[in-house]
Structures are given as C-alpha cells and as structure tokens.
C-alpha cells in the first residue's frame, strides 16, 4: 500500500508555519505536499477543495478533508489516535472540530499573526 499524503495550501503562511510542526508530530509516516504538487497525482480533488481545507489521501486512496484529515494524519503518524476516535464516535465532537477548522481556515491571516506573536517565526518543536 502507498504511503498516506496530507495536502496543504503551499501559499498560506499559516499552513506553511504549521506544516513543519505537523511533520515532527507524524515522524515522517505521512507525506506532506503542497496543493500544486498534489494536483497531477490526485486529479479527483478539485481546486476548490484544495483551497478550502487540507486533504488527506490514505494509502488506499480514501480521502478526508478538514479536521478529519488532520486527525487521520496524526493517527497514522507517531502522534495520537485519540482525536480521530473521538471524531468518529461522537457527532458533537465531529461538528465542533469541523466548525473550529472552518473558523481558523477562513481567518488564516489573523491566525498566522497570532502564531507569530505566540511562537515566533518557527513553531517546530525544539
């Protein structure tokens, strides 16, 4: 089976800052590529979907987006499967997670500034 892939917006400062930390959390078990790199490989995902949220493509080709994509990638990596279990078992957790994801995604500029203020230029763990 192929390695799973997380596709992020390669132009968004917020996404670029946090993808480094995400890579540390997943310990290389999931590839991370920009939407521009992904388009030729995953033509079934529209430009609008790439712009709206991160996309997770499992080794078997199954696709998840938004909060579910983040939770799936963390479960596949060296991080934790707890958020994914909660997401799948509790409808309220799923709805709150997706709304929270959408809230941040629609305000990436603001949250990019908040990230720089709180973490500085690098959010990767030491």
Protein backbone atom coordinates (compact mmCIF):
# COMPACT_ATOMS: atom_id res chain seq x y z
CA UNK A 1 0.00 0.00 0.00
CA UNK A 2 1.20 3.52 -0.81
CA UNK A 3 2.16 6.00 1.88
CA UNK A 4 -0.58 8.39 3.01
CA UNK A 5 -0.32 12.04 1.96
CA UNK A 6 -1.51 15.28 3.54
CA UNK A 7 -2.01 18.07 1.02
CA UNK A 8 -1.85 21.65 2.28
CA UNK A 9 -2.08 25.09 0.73
CA UNK A 10 1.51 25.82 -0.26
CA UNK A 11 0.94 29.59 -0.38
CA UNK A 12 -0.67 30.24 3.00
CA UNK A 13 1.75 31.47 5.68
CA UNK A 14 -0.31 29.83 8.42
CA UNK A 15 -0.24 26.46 6.63
CA UNK A 16 3.48 26.71 5.89
CA UNK A 17 4.28 27.54 9.52
CA UNK A 18 2.28 24.67 10.98
CA UNK A 19 3.25 22.00 8.45
CA UNK A 20 6.74 21.89 10.00
CA UNK A 21 5.30 21.09 13.42
CA UNK A 22 2.91 18.57 11.89
CA UNK A 23 5.87 16.83 10.20
CA UNK A 24 7.54 16.45 13.59
CA UNK A 25 4.33 15.03 15.10
CA UNK A 26 3.89 12.46 12.32
CA UNK A 27 7.57 11.49 12.30
CA UNK A 28 7.70 11.00 8.52
CA UNK A 29 4.97 8.37 8.42
CA UNK A 30 2.76 10.59 6.23
CA UNK A 31 3.98 12.65 3.28
CA UNK A 32 3.11 16.35 3.21
CA UNK A 33 2.97 18.14 -0.13
CA UNK A 34 1.56 21.41 -1.43
CA UNK A 35 -1.64 21.53 -3.46
CA UNK A 36 0.39 22.43 -6.56
CA UNK A 37 2.47 19.28 -6.15
CA UNK A 38 -0.65 17.20 -5.49
CA UNK A 39 -2.79 18.24 -8.46
CA UNK A 40 -1.09 15.97 -11.02
CA UNK A 41 -1.13 12.99 -8.60
CA UNK A 42 -4.64 13.41 -7.22
CA UNK A 43 -6.72 14.79 -10.08
CA UNK A 44 -10.01 13.74 -8.46
CA UNK A 45 -9.74 16.58 -5.94
CA UNK A 46 -10.91 19.98 -7.20
CA UNK A 47 -9.03 23.27 -6.85
CA UNK A 48 -11.86 24.49 -4.60
CA UNK A 49 -11.37 21.55 -2.24
CA UNK A 50 -7.61 22.19 -2.08
CA UNK A 51 -8.26 25.87 -1.29
CA UNK A 52 -10.96 25.18 1.30
CA UNK A 53 -9.08 22.70 3.50
CA UNK A 54 -6.24 20.25 3.88
CA UNK A 55 -6.78 16.93 2.11
CA UNK A 56 -5.65 13.57 3.46
CA UNK A 57 -5.23 10.78 0.93
CA UNK A 58 -4.80 7.37 2.55
CA UNK A 59 -2.58 4.72 1.04
CA UNK A 60 -5.69 3.01 -0.35
CA UNK A 61 -6.89 6.25 -1.99
CA UNK A 62 -9.59 7.17 0.55
CA UNK A 63 -9.85 10.94 1.02
CA UNK A 64 -10.65 13.00 4.12
CA UNK A 65 -10.59 16.77 4.49
CA UNK A 66 -10.55 19.45 7.16
CA UNK A 67 -10.39 18.39 10.80
CA UNK A 68 -10.84 14.74 9.89
CA UNK A 69 -7.77 14.95 7.63
CA UNK A 70 -5.66 16.36 10.46
CA UNK A 71 -6.89 13.74 12.93
CA UNK A 72 -6.35 10.89 10.44
CA UNK A 73 -2.81 12.03 9.69
CA UNK A 74 -1.97 12.27 13.39
CA UNK A 75 -3.41 8.79 13.99
CA UNK A 76 -1.29 7.37 11.16
CA UNK A 77 1.80 9.13 12.44
CA UNK A 78 3.69 8.92 15.68
CA UNK A 79 1.28 11.30 17.42
CA UNK A 80 -2.08 10.06 18.68
CA UNK A 81 -5.28 8.38 17.50
CA UNK A 82 -7.43 9.80 20.30
CA UNK A 83 -8.81 12.81 18.35
CA UNK A 84 -9.72 10.56 15.41
CA UNK A 85 -11.53 8.11 17.71
CA UNK A 86 -13.46 10.95 19.31
CA UNK A 87 -14.25 12.39 15.88
CA UNK A 88 -15.66 9.08 14.67
CA UNK A 89 -17.53 8.16 17.86
CA UNK A 90 -19.14 11.46 18.87
CA UNK A 91 -21.18 13.52 16.46
CA UNK A 92 -20.84 16.63 18.63
CA UNK A 93 -17.04 16.33 18.66
CA UNK A 94 -17.09 15.95 14.87
CA UNK A 95 -19.27 19.03 14.37
CA UNK A 96 -17.27 21.19 16.79
CA UNK A 97 -13.97 20.04 15.21
CA UNK A 98 -15.12 20.87 11.68
CA UNK A 99 -16.59 24.24 12.74
CA UNK A 100 -13.36 25.07 14.54
CA UNK A 101 -11.33 24.05 11.49
CA UNK A 102 -13.54 26.21 9.23
CA UNK A 103 -13.28 29.15 11.64
CA UNK A 104 -9.47 29.07 11.55
CA UNK A 105 -9.30 28.30 7.80
CA UNK A 106 -11.46 31.32 7.00
CA UNK A 107 -9.22 33.56 9.12
CA UNK A 108 -5.78 32.20 8.26
CA UNK A 109 -4.23 35.66 8.00
CA UNK A 110 -5.31 36.53 11.53
CA UNK A 111 -4.21 33.17 12.94
CA UNK A 112 -0.89 33.47 11.11
CA UNK A 113 -0.30 36.71 13.03
CA UNK A 114 -1.36 35.08 16.31
CA UNK A 115 1.04 32.20 15.60
CA UNK A 116 3.96 34.59 15.01
CA UNK A 117 3.17 36.53 18.20
CA UNK A 118 2.88 33.41 20.37
CA UNK A 119 5.54 31.14 18.81
CA UNK A 120 7.78 33.44 16.79
CA UNK A 121 8.99 32.58 13.31
CA UNK A 122 9.29 28.84 13.97
CA UNK A 123 6.57 26.67 15.50
CA UNK A 124 8.52 23.43 15.18
CA UNK A 125 9.25 21.67 18.46
CA UNK A 126 12.85 22.06 19.71
